[in-house]
N, C-alpha and C. Protein backbone atom coordinates (compact mmCIF):
# COMPACT_ATOMS: atom_id res chain seq x y z
N UNK A 1 45.25 19.01 -4.28
CA UNK A 1 44.80 17.53 -5.06
C UNK A 1 44.03 16.71 -4.15
N UNK A 2 44.07 16.58 -2.82
CA UNK A 2 43.29 15.85 -1.82
C UNK A 2 41.70 16.40 -2.12
N UNK A 3 41.48 17.85 -2.41
CA UNK A 3 40.29 18.50 -2.64
C UNK A 3 39.61 17.91 -3.70
N UNK A 4 40.53 17.83 -4.60
CA UNK A 4 39.91 17.73 -6.12
C UNK A 4 39.55 16.08 -6.28
N UNK A 5 40.11 15.40 -5.48
CA UNK A 5 40.03 13.74 -5.45
C UNK A 5 38.64 13.68 -4.53
N UNK A 6 38.38 14.48 -3.67
CA UNK A 6 37.45 14.07 -2.81
C UNK A 6 36.02 14.71 -3.57
N UNK A 7 36.01 15.87 -4.31
CA UNK A 7 35.13 16.22 -5.08
C UNK A 7 34.80 15.36 -6.16
N UNK A 8 35.58 14.82 -6.77
CA UNK A 8 35.49 13.75 -7.93
C UNK A 8 34.85 12.64 -7.41
N UNK A 9 35.26 12.04 -6.09
CA UNK A 9 34.57 10.87 -5.47
C UNK A 9 33.17 11.33 -5.20
N UNK A 10 32.82 12.36 -4.76
CA UNK A 10 31.50 12.96 -4.49
C UNK A 10 30.57 12.90 -5.67
N UNK A 11 31.23 13.50 -6.94
CA UNK A 11 30.43 13.49 -8.11
C UNK A 11 30.06 12.13 -8.68
N UNK A 12 31.14 11.24 -8.41
CA UNK A 12 31.09 9.97 -9.13
C UNK A 12 29.58 9.29 -8.09
N UNK A 13 29.67 9.43 -6.78
CA UNK A 13 28.87 8.93 -6.01
C UNK A 13 27.23 9.58 -6.17
N UNK A 14 27.06 10.98 -6.60
CA UNK A 14 25.86 11.63 -6.95
C UNK A 14 25.60 10.84 -8.28
N UNK A 15 26.56 10.75 -9.09
CA UNK A 15 25.95 10.11 -10.43
C UNK A 15 25.69 8.64 -10.37
N UNK A 16 26.12 7.98 -9.62
CA UNK A 16 25.72 6.55 -9.37
C UNK A 16 24.37 6.41 -8.90
N UNK A 17 24.30 7.06 -7.83
CA UNK A 17 22.89 7.19 -7.18
C UNK A 17 21.95 7.51 -8.07
N UNK A 18 22.06 8.62 -8.60
CA UNK A 18 20.90 9.36 -9.79
C UNK A 18 20.71 8.03 -10.87
N UNK A 19 21.43 7.33 -11.35
CA UNK A 19 21.27 6.35 -11.90
C UNK A 19 20.42 5.19 -11.40
N UNK A 20 20.55 5.02 -10.09
CA UNK A 20 19.80 4.00 -9.49
C UNK A 20 18.17 4.01 -9.72
N UNK A 21 17.69 5.09 -9.60
CA UNK A 21 16.23 5.20 -9.72
C UNK A 21 15.72 4.86 -10.99
N UNK A 22 14.72 4.31 -11.17
CA UNK A 22 14.13 4.12 -12.67
C UNK A 22 12.71 4.29 -12.81
N UNK A 23 12.22 5.30 -13.88
CA UNK A 23 10.84 5.49 -13.60
C UNK A 23 10.24 4.57 -14.89
N UNK A 24 9.26 3.76 -14.75
CA UNK A 24 8.85 2.88 -15.72
C UNK A 24 7.28 3.64 -16.02
N UNK A 25 6.98 3.89 -17.41
CA UNK A 25 5.82 4.37 -17.86
C UNK A 25 4.78 3.11 -17.82
N UNK A 26 3.81 3.01 -16.96
CA UNK A 26 2.73 2.00 -17.15
C UNK A 26 1.60 2.52 -17.53
N UNK A 27 1.58 3.68 -17.98
CA UNK A 27 0.21 4.27 -18.44
C UNK A 27 -0.44 3.52 -19.38
N UNK A 28 -1.74 3.47 -19.36
CA UNK A 28 -2.46 2.61 -20.39
C UNK A 28 -3.86 3.10 -20.32
N UNK A 29 -4.70 2.81 -21.43
CA UNK A 29 -6.20 3.18 -21.23
C UNK A 29 -6.98 2.20 -20.48
N UNK A 30 -6.38 1.25 -20.08
CA UNK A 30 -6.94 0.17 -19.33
C UNK A 30 -7.47 0.51 -17.95
N UNK A 31 -8.52 0.46 -17.61
CA UNK A 31 -9.03 0.82 -16.32
C UNK A 31 -9.06 -0.48 -15.25
N UNK A 32 -8.27 -0.19 -14.17
CA UNK A 32 -8.11 -1.04 -12.98
C UNK A 32 -8.89 -0.96 -11.76
N UNK A 33 -8.88 -1.75 -11.07
CA UNK A 33 -9.70 -1.67 -9.77
C UNK A 33 -8.86 -1.94 -8.71
N UNK A 34 -9.08 -0.93 -7.58
CA UNK A 34 -8.29 -1.42 -6.34
C UNK A 34 -8.60 -2.72 -5.75
N UNK A 35 -7.93 -3.58 -5.42
CA UNK A 35 -8.19 -5.05 -4.74
C UNK A 35 -8.51 -4.67 -3.22
N UNK A 36 -7.82 -3.68 -2.74
CA UNK A 36 -7.92 -3.46 -1.11
C UNK A 36 -8.19 -2.05 -0.71
N UNK A 37 -8.69 -1.66 0.16
CA UNK A 37 -8.85 -0.41 0.56
C UNK A 37 -7.49 0.17 1.18
N UNK A 38 -7.28 1.50 0.88
CA UNK A 38 -5.89 2.17 1.55
C UNK A 38 -6.33 3.46 1.75
N UNK A 39 -5.45 4.00 2.71
CA UNK A 39 -5.58 5.61 3.18
C UNK A 39 -4.56 6.39 2.39
N UNK A 40 -5.15 7.62 1.81
CA UNK A 40 -4.13 8.45 1.21
C UNK A 40 -4.20 9.86 1.96
N UNK A 41 -3.10 10.30 2.24
CA UNK A 41 -2.90 11.57 2.79
C UNK A 41 -2.07 12.80 1.78
N UNK A 42 -2.88 13.91 1.51
CA UNK A 42 -2.26 14.60 0.48
C UNK A 42 -1.53 14.15 -0.55
N UNK A 43 -2.22 13.30 -1.26
CA UNK A 43 -2.04 12.66 -2.54
C UNK A 43 -0.92 11.28 -2.27
N UNK A 44 -0.59 11.13 -1.09
CA UNK A 44 0.35 9.96 -0.73
C UNK A 44 -0.13 8.76 0.10
N UNK A 45 0.11 7.63 -0.28
CA UNK A 45 0.04 6.50 0.54
C UNK A 45 1.56 6.06 1.06
N UNK A 46 1.39 6.20 2.36
CA UNK A 46 2.68 5.94 3.18
C UNK A 46 3.33 4.43 2.96
N UNK A 47 4.41 4.15 2.84
CA UNK A 47 4.78 3.00 2.94
C UNK A 47 4.46 1.75 4.22
N UNK A 48 4.16 2.47 5.26
CA UNK A 48 3.67 1.96 6.35
C UNK A 48 2.28 1.44 6.32
N UNK A 49 1.26 1.82 5.43
CA UNK A 49 -0.02 1.73 5.05
C UNK A 49 -0.68 2.44 6.24
N UNK A 50 -0.25 3.49 6.63
CA UNK A 50 -0.83 4.25 7.76
C UNK A 50 -2.25 4.34 7.49
N UNK A 51 -3.21 4.39 8.56
CA UNK A 51 -4.59 4.50 8.24
C UNK A 51 -5.19 5.71 8.58
N UNK A 52 -4.59 6.95 7.96
CA UNK A 52 -5.25 8.15 8.29
C UNK A 52 -5.26 8.93 7.03
N UNK A 53 -6.25 9.73 7.05
CA UNK A 53 -6.28 10.76 5.96
C UNK A 53 -7.60 10.29 4.92
N UNK A 54 -7.80 10.25 3.83
CA UNK A 54 -8.74 9.91 3.21
C UNK A 54 -8.62 8.52 2.65
N UNK A 55 -9.76 7.63 2.84
CA UNK A 55 -9.99 6.32 2.55
C UNK A 55 -10.36 6.07 0.88
N UNK A 56 -9.73 5.31 0.26
CA UNK A 56 -9.83 4.86 -0.88
C UNK A 56 -10.28 3.38 -0.77
N UNK A 57 -11.67 3.08 -0.99
CA UNK A 57 -12.14 1.75 -1.02
C UNK A 57 -11.91 0.80 -1.95
N UNK A 58 -12.06 -0.25 -1.67
CA UNK A 58 -11.59 -1.56 -2.87
C UNK A 58 -12.85 -1.24 -3.91
N UNK A 59 -12.32 -1.59 -5.04
CA UNK A 59 -13.07 -1.49 -6.31
C UNK A 59 -12.97 -0.20 -6.71
N UNK A 60 -12.54 0.95 -6.44
CA UNK A 60 -12.15 2.04 -6.86
C UNK A 60 -11.64 2.08 -8.37
N UNK A 61 -12.00 2.56 -9.25
CA UNK A 61 -11.68 2.57 -10.69
C UNK A 61 -10.39 3.54 -10.65
N UNK A 62 -9.15 2.95 -11.16
CA UNK A 62 -7.89 3.82 -11.38
C UNK A 62 -7.14 3.49 -12.64
N UNK A 63 -6.33 4.49 -13.02
CA UNK A 63 -5.51 4.25 -14.24
C UNK A 63 -3.94 4.20 -13.54
N UNK A 64 -3.35 3.18 -13.87
CA UNK A 64 -2.09 3.19 -13.66
C UNK A 64 -1.17 4.12 -14.26
N UNK A 65 -0.25 5.04 -13.87
CA UNK A 65 0.39 6.10 -14.72
C UNK A 65 2.02 5.66 -14.72
N UNK A 66 2.41 5.36 -13.55
CA UNK A 66 3.83 5.06 -13.50
C UNK A 66 4.24 4.52 -12.28
N UNK A 67 5.49 3.62 -12.56
CA UNK A 67 6.15 3.02 -11.19
C UNK A 67 7.54 3.41 -11.34
N UNK A 68 8.16 3.90 -9.99
CA UNK A 68 9.47 3.99 -10.01
C UNK A 68 10.10 3.17 -9.04
N UNK A 69 11.26 2.50 -9.59
CA UNK A 69 11.98 1.68 -8.47
C UNK A 69 13.40 2.66 -8.29
N UNK A 70 13.51 2.85 -6.94
CA UNK A 70 14.58 3.40 -6.49
C UNK A 70 15.40 2.74 -5.57
N UNK A 71 16.28 3.19 -4.87
CA UNK A 71 17.18 2.26 -4.00
C UNK A 71 16.61 2.19 -2.50
N UNK A 72 15.73 2.94 -2.27
CA UNK A 72 15.18 2.56 -0.84
C UNK A 72 13.61 2.85 -0.86
N UNK A 73 12.95 3.89 -1.36
CA UNK A 73 11.63 4.22 -1.50
C UNK A 73 11.11 3.92 -3.08
N UNK A 74 10.44 3.07 -3.22
CA UNK A 74 9.81 3.02 -4.54
C UNK A 74 8.35 3.53 -4.62
N UNK A 75 7.75 3.85 -5.89
CA UNK A 75 6.38 4.33 -5.89
C UNK A 75 5.49 3.88 -7.12
N UNK A 76 4.37 4.16 -7.04
CA UNK A 76 3.39 3.68 -8.19
C UNK A 76 2.40 5.15 -8.06
N UNK A 77 2.50 5.64 -9.14
CA UNK A 77 1.61 6.72 -9.50
C UNK A 77 0.38 6.33 -10.19
N UNK A 78 -0.76 6.74 -9.48
CA UNK A 78 -2.25 6.28 -10.09
C UNK A 78 -2.90 7.52 -10.37
N UNK A 79 -4.03 7.29 -11.08
CA UNK A 79 -5.18 8.27 -11.07
C UNK A 79 -6.38 7.62 -10.52
N UNK A 80 -7.10 8.39 -9.50
CA UNK A 80 -8.26 7.95 -9.19
C UNK A 80 -9.35 8.58 -10.17
N UNK A 81 -10.07 7.81 -11.00
CA UNK A 81 -10.88 8.25 -11.84
C UNK A 81 -12.11 9.21 -11.40
N UNK A 82 -12.72 8.66 -10.52
CA UNK A 82 -13.96 9.54 -10.26
C UNK A 82 -13.36 11.02 -9.85
N UNK A 83 -12.17 11.13 -8.86
CA UNK A 83 -11.98 12.04 -8.17
C UNK A 83 -10.93 13.02 -9.29
N UNK A 84 -10.49 12.21 -10.13
CA UNK A 84 -9.46 12.74 -11.07
C UNK A 84 -8.33 13.42 -10.39
N UNK A 85 -7.94 12.61 -9.15
CA UNK A 85 -6.65 13.05 -8.57
C UNK A 85 -5.76 12.04 -8.72
N UNK A 86 -4.47 12.54 -8.74
CA UNK A 86 -3.34 11.55 -8.80
C UNK A 86 -2.77 11.04 -7.46
N UNK A 87 -2.28 10.22 -7.15
CA UNK A 87 -1.92 9.60 -5.85
C UNK A 87 -0.70 8.89 -6.24
N UNK A 88 0.41 9.06 -5.17
CA UNK A 88 1.55 8.32 -5.26
C UNK A 88 1.54 7.29 -4.08
N UNK A 89 1.66 5.85 -4.45
CA UNK A 89 1.79 4.96 -3.28
C UNK A 89 3.10 4.84 -3.28
N UNK A 90 3.82 4.88 -1.99
CA UNK A 90 5.14 4.54 -1.73
C UNK A 90 5.36 3.11 -1.14
N UNK A 91 6.41 2.72 -1.61
CA UNK A 91 6.78 1.42 -1.13
C UNK A 91 8.43 1.20 -0.87
N UNK A 92 8.48 0.57 0.45
CA UNK A 92 9.88 0.25 0.86
C UNK A 92 9.85 -1.36 0.90
N UNK A 93 10.57 -1.98 0.40
CA UNK A 93 10.53 -3.33 0.36
C UNK A 93 10.76 -3.98 1.53
N UNK A 94 11.60 -3.24 2.54
CA UNK A 94 11.80 -3.65 3.85
C UNK A 94 10.73 -3.72 4.72
N UNK A 95 9.84 -2.91 4.54
CA UNK A 95 8.42 -2.72 5.22
C UNK A 95 7.28 -3.77 4.84
N UNK A 96 7.26 -3.90 3.41
CA UNK A 96 6.10 -4.41 2.67
C UNK A 96 6.76 -5.96 2.35
N UNK A 97 7.91 -6.14 2.15
CA UNK A 97 8.22 -7.47 1.68
C UNK A 97 8.13 -7.72 0.34
N UNK A 98 7.66 -6.48 -0.56
CA UNK A 98 7.19 -6.94 -1.78
C UNK A 98 7.93 -5.78 -2.81
N UNK A 99 8.53 -6.49 -3.94
CA UNK A 99 8.86 -5.25 -4.81
C UNK A 99 8.00 -4.43 -5.37
N UNK A 100 8.20 -3.43 -6.36
CA UNK A 100 7.15 -2.57 -6.65
C UNK A 100 6.21 -3.25 -7.76
N UNK A 101 6.74 -4.19 -8.58
CA UNK A 101 5.81 -4.91 -9.33
C UNK A 101 4.77 -5.87 -8.72
N UNK A 102 5.32 -6.37 -7.46
CA UNK A 102 4.47 -7.43 -6.58
C UNK A 102 3.50 -6.62 -5.91
N UNK A 103 3.77 -5.48 -5.60
CA UNK A 103 2.74 -4.40 -4.83
C UNK A 103 1.70 -4.04 -5.95
N UNK A 104 2.29 -3.85 -7.12
CA UNK A 104 1.24 -3.36 -7.96
C UNK A 104 0.23 -4.64 -8.27
N UNK A 105 0.77 -5.83 -8.17
CA UNK A 105 -0.29 -6.88 -8.80
C UNK A 105 -1.14 -7.16 -7.56
N UNK A 106 -0.66 -6.80 -6.15
CA UNK A 106 -1.51 -6.90 -5.10
C UNK A 106 -2.57 -5.95 -4.92
N UNK A 107 -2.23 -4.74 -5.38
CA UNK A 107 -3.06 -3.65 -4.96
C UNK A 107 -4.22 -3.37 -6.25
N UNK A 108 -3.63 -3.81 -7.53
CA UNK A 108 -4.81 -3.44 -8.57
C UNK A 108 -5.01 -4.78 -9.51
N UNK A 109 -6.35 -4.69 -9.86
CA UNK A 109 -6.51 -5.74 -10.80
C UNK A 109 -7.27 -5.33 -11.77
N UNK A 110 -7.67 -6.29 -12.86
CA UNK A 110 -8.68 -5.97 -14.02
C UNK A 110 -9.94 -5.73 -13.70
N UNK A 111 -10.53 -6.59 -12.68
CA UNK A 111 -11.80 -6.74 -12.17
C UNK A 111 -11.93 -6.43 -10.69
N UNK A 112 -13.19 -5.90 -10.60
CA UNK A 112 -13.59 -5.52 -9.17
C UNK A 112 -13.35 -6.94 -8.30
N UNK A 113 -13.22 -6.73 -6.83
CA UNK A 113 -13.27 -8.03 -6.01
C UNK A 113 -14.58 -8.09 -5.56
N UNK A 114 -14.98 -9.28 -5.05
CA UNK A 114 -16.23 -9.40 -4.42
C UNK A 114 -16.55 -9.30 -3.02
N UNK A 115 -16.88 -7.98 -2.74
CA UNK A 115 -16.92 -7.81 -1.29
C UNK A 115 -18.29 -8.26 -0.58
N UNK A 116 -19.34 -8.66 -1.47
CA UNK A 116 -20.70 -9.09 -1.05
C UNK A 116 -20.40 -10.50 -0.28
N UNK A 117 -19.34 -11.27 -0.77
CA UNK A 117 -19.24 -12.70 -0.33
C UNK A 117 -19.12 -12.85 1.05
N UNK A 118 -19.20 -11.87 1.87
CA UNK A 118 -18.85 -11.87 3.28
C UNK A 118 -20.07 -11.32 4.11
N UNK A 119 -21.16 -11.15 3.58
CA UNK A 119 -22.40 -10.72 4.07
C UNK A 119 -22.74 -9.21 4.13
N UNK A 120 -23.75 -8.66 4.14
CA UNK A 120 -24.07 -7.39 4.54
C UNK A 120 -23.25 -6.58 5.54
N UNK A 121 -23.09 -6.83 6.74
CA UNK A 121 -22.42 -6.00 7.64
C UNK A 121 -21.00 -5.86 7.42
N UNK A 122 -20.27 -7.20 7.12
CA UNK A 122 -18.87 -7.00 6.88
C UNK A 122 -18.58 -6.19 5.56
N UNK A 123 -19.42 -6.35 4.45
CA UNK A 123 -19.39 -5.58 3.25
C UNK A 123 -19.35 -4.17 3.57
N UNK A 124 -20.21 -3.73 4.52
CA UNK A 124 -20.34 -2.24 4.59
C UNK A 124 -19.01 -1.70 5.47
N UNK A 125 -18.73 -2.72 6.27
CA UNK A 125 -17.32 -2.21 7.00
C UNK A 125 -15.99 -2.16 5.83
N UNK A 126 -16.18 -3.05 4.86
CA UNK A 126 -15.21 -3.07 3.96
C UNK A 126 -15.16 -1.88 3.21
N UNK A 127 -16.42 -1.44 2.87
CA UNK A 127 -16.42 -0.20 1.86
C UNK A 127 -16.03 0.96 2.71
N UNK A 128 -16.15 0.96 4.09
CA UNK A 128 -15.91 2.25 5.10
C UNK A 128 -14.45 2.08 5.57
N UNK A 129 -13.60 1.12 5.21
CA UNK A 129 -12.23 0.89 5.36
C UNK A 129 -12.11 0.53 7.14
N UNK A 130 -13.27 -0.28 7.62
CA UNK A 130 -13.25 -0.34 8.96
C UNK A 130 -12.93 -2.08 9.34
N UNK A 131 -12.22 -2.25 10.47
CA UNK A 131 -12.02 -3.72 10.85
C UNK A 131 -12.96 -4.03 11.79
N UNK A 132 -14.05 -5.06 11.66
CA UNK A 132 -15.14 -5.35 12.76
C UNK A 132 -14.79 -6.80 13.21
N UNK A 133 -15.24 -7.03 14.64
CA UNK A 133 -14.89 -8.64 14.88
C UNK A 133 -15.97 -9.13 14.27
N UNK A 134 -15.45 -10.43 14.08
CA UNK A 134 -16.10 -11.52 13.09
C UNK A 134 -15.52 -11.48 11.72
N UNK A 135 -14.77 -10.59 11.63
CA UNK A 135 -14.51 -10.45 10.00
C UNK A 135 -13.11 -11.51 9.61
N UNK A 136 -13.26 -12.20 8.53
CA UNK A 136 -12.31 -13.19 8.34
C UNK A 136 -11.04 -12.30 7.75
N UNK A 137 -9.83 -12.99 7.65
CA UNK A 137 -8.66 -12.35 7.21
C UNK A 137 -8.76 -11.46 5.82
N UNK A 138 -9.42 -12.43 4.97
CA UNK A 138 -9.46 -11.99 3.40
C UNK A 138 -10.27 -10.51 3.56
N UNK A 139 -11.30 -10.40 4.24
CA UNK A 139 -12.02 -9.27 4.57
C UNK A 139 -11.36 -8.13 4.97
N UNK A 140 -10.45 -8.35 6.29
CA UNK A 140 -9.57 -7.28 6.55
C UNK A 140 -8.68 -6.74 5.30
N UNK A 141 -8.10 -7.75 4.73
CA UNK A 141 -7.32 -7.27 3.87
C UNK A 141 -7.81 -6.34 2.69
N UNK A 142 -9.15 -6.91 2.35
CA UNK A 142 -9.96 -5.87 1.38
C UNK A 142 -10.12 -4.65 2.13
N UNK A 143 -10.54 -4.75 3.45
CA UNK A 143 -11.01 -3.26 4.09
C UNK A 143 -9.95 -2.30 4.11
N UNK A 144 -8.46 -2.86 4.52
CA UNK A 144 -7.61 -1.65 4.88
C UNK A 144 -6.15 -2.27 4.24
N UNK A 145 -6.17 -2.97 3.50
CA UNK A 145 -4.97 -3.56 2.58
C UNK A 145 -4.01 -4.52 3.75
N UNK A 146 -2.83 -4.73 3.11
CA UNK A 146 -1.79 -5.72 3.79
C UNK A 146 -1.15 -4.90 5.08
N UNK A 147 -1.03 -5.65 6.20
CA UNK A 147 -0.08 -5.01 7.30
C UNK A 147 1.35 -5.03 6.72
N UNK A 148 1.91 -4.17 7.22
CA UNK A 148 3.57 -4.07 6.86
C UNK A 148 4.11 -5.11 7.37
N UNK A 149 4.92 -5.85 6.39
CA UNK A 149 5.71 -7.20 6.77
C UNK A 149 6.45 -6.96 7.81
N UNK A 150 7.31 -5.78 8.06
CA UNK A 150 8.43 -5.68 8.95
C UNK A 150 7.60 -5.67 10.26
N UNK A 151 6.51 -5.64 10.61
CA UNK A 151 5.49 -5.89 11.94
C UNK A 151 4.65 -7.04 11.87
N UNK A 152 4.31 -7.61 10.82
CA UNK A 152 3.42 -8.68 10.60
C UNK A 152 4.19 -9.68 9.38
N UNK A 153 5.15 -10.34 9.99
CA UNK A 153 5.84 -11.13 8.96
C UNK A 153 5.16 -12.13 8.06
N UNK A 154 4.12 -12.75 8.66
CA UNK A 154 3.13 -13.63 7.88
C UNK A 154 1.82 -13.48 8.03
N UNK A 155 1.01 -13.43 6.92
CA UNK A 155 -0.51 -13.57 7.10
C UNK A 155 -1.08 -14.57 7.76
N UNK A 156 -0.31 -15.61 8.13
CA UNK A 156 -0.81 -16.97 8.79
C UNK A 156 -0.70 -16.53 10.49
N UNK A 157 -0.01 -15.42 10.86
CA UNK A 157 0.08 -15.10 12.00
C UNK A 157 -1.33 -14.95 12.68
N UNK A 158 -1.75 -14.77 13.99
CA UNK A 158 -2.81 -14.69 14.48
C UNK A 158 -2.78 -13.18 15.06
N UNK A 159 -1.72 -12.38 14.93
CA UNK A 159 -1.97 -10.89 14.97
C UNK A 159 -1.37 -10.21 14.18
N UNK A 160 -1.98 -9.19 13.52
CA UNK A 160 -1.30 -8.30 12.45
C UNK A 160 -1.27 -6.92 13.08
N UNK A 161 -0.32 -6.14 12.76
CA UNK A 161 0.08 -4.76 13.24
C UNK A 161 -0.17 -3.72 12.13
N UNK A 162 -0.80 -3.02 12.28
CA UNK A 162 -1.18 -1.91 11.23
C UNK A 162 -0.59 -0.37 12.11
N UNK A 163 -0.53 0.73 11.21
CA UNK A 163 -0.45 1.79 12.01
C UNK A 163 -1.45 2.88 12.02
N UNK A 164 -2.03 3.30 12.76
CA UNK A 164 -3.16 4.16 12.86
C UNK A 164 -2.81 5.51 12.48
N UNK A 165 -1.66 6.00 12.69
CA UNK A 165 -1.00 7.12 12.43
C UNK A 165 0.38 6.97 11.96
N UNK A 166 1.33 7.95 11.93
CA UNK A 166 2.62 7.86 11.66
C UNK A 166 3.50 7.12 12.93
N UNK A 167 2.82 7.08 14.15
CA UNK A 167 3.38 6.73 15.26
C UNK A 167 2.31 5.86 16.03
N UNK A 168 1.11 5.79 15.72
CA UNK A 168 0.40 4.87 16.70
C UNK A 168 0.00 3.69 15.62
N UNK A 169 0.12 2.50 16.60
CA UNK A 169 -0.12 1.09 16.22
C UNK A 169 -1.57 0.86 16.44
N UNK A 170 -2.25 -0.14 15.28
CA UNK A 170 -3.35 -0.94 15.57
C UNK A 170 -3.24 -2.38 15.52
N UNK A 171 -3.33 -2.83 16.69
CA UNK A 171 -3.23 -4.47 16.41
C UNK A 171 -4.43 -5.03 16.40
N UNK A 172 -4.47 -5.96 15.15
CA UNK A 172 -5.83 -6.97 15.02
C UNK A 172 -5.29 -8.36 15.44
N UNK A 173 -6.29 -8.96 16.54
CA UNK A 173 -6.05 -10.21 16.73
C UNK A 173 -6.92 -11.38 16.19
N UNK A 174 -6.50 -12.47 15.59
CA UNK A 174 -7.39 -13.35 15.23
C UNK A 174 -7.58 -14.87 15.80
N UNK A 175 -8.44 -15.52 15.67
CA UNK A 175 -8.71 -16.95 16.31
C UNK A 175 -9.81 -17.53 15.18
N UNK A 176 -8.97 -18.54 14.69
CA UNK A 176 -9.83 -19.51 13.74
C UNK A 176 -9.94 -18.73 12.44
N UNK A 177 -9.08 -17.65 12.31
CA UNK A 177 -8.93 -16.84 10.71
C UNK A 177 -10.10 -15.61 11.05
N UNK A 178 -10.66 -15.35 12.27
CA UNK A 178 -11.51 -14.32 12.30
C UNK A 178 -11.18 -13.38 13.42
N UNK A 179 -11.38 -11.95 13.07
CA UNK A 179 -11.14 -10.92 14.03
C UNK A 179 -11.77 -11.05 15.44
N UNK A 180 -10.94 -11.16 16.61
CA UNK A 180 -11.65 -11.34 17.76
C UNK A 180 -11.19 -10.07 18.74
N UNK A 181 -10.30 -9.55 18.33
CA UNK A 181 -10.02 -8.13 19.02
C UNK A 181 -9.19 -7.30 18.30
N UNK A 182 -9.60 -5.99 18.45
CA UNK A 182 -8.91 -4.64 17.80
C UNK A 182 -8.41 -3.79 18.88
N UNK A 183 -7.16 -3.65 18.96
CA UNK A 183 -6.55 -2.74 19.97
C UNK A 183 -5.91 -1.45 19.41
N UNK A 184 -6.46 -0.43 19.52
CA UNK A 184 -5.86 0.92 19.06
C UNK A 184 -4.97 1.44 19.95
């Protein structure tokens, strides 16, 4: 009897957890543009926004395919139109500070962003996914996306922490809203 009750409890828990994930079809024929650059490795963008793998620059044309909101890791599936490649962008709210819908609105827009507004040198760095000294915060966001909120709670802070790899960090320091130091 005890074994039967244990099995029933496990089955109920599995059924409950399976029902927690929800996949929303967001596919449309509308083209969107990446508003920030990000790195994808083997078709995945990690929740930490780790900066290794293949760089996807801002203003890349994409189609939004689906969004999944699960119990811990959520995701957005996109198609990179030029490459014809599908990419999964993973999200953990405790790391990003964003719901999956908020993240989608942050990352994708219906119009390209103006990278030229910062001058030629910074525009080139943005298109290459590089952070350089003198870059304003808005340009850093365009170049490499948002720093994980669990390490950078506010964009008003003068120090942002990114992940260079799954374990190594990159610290960007600002003064008067511009990059003054980059520590790998």
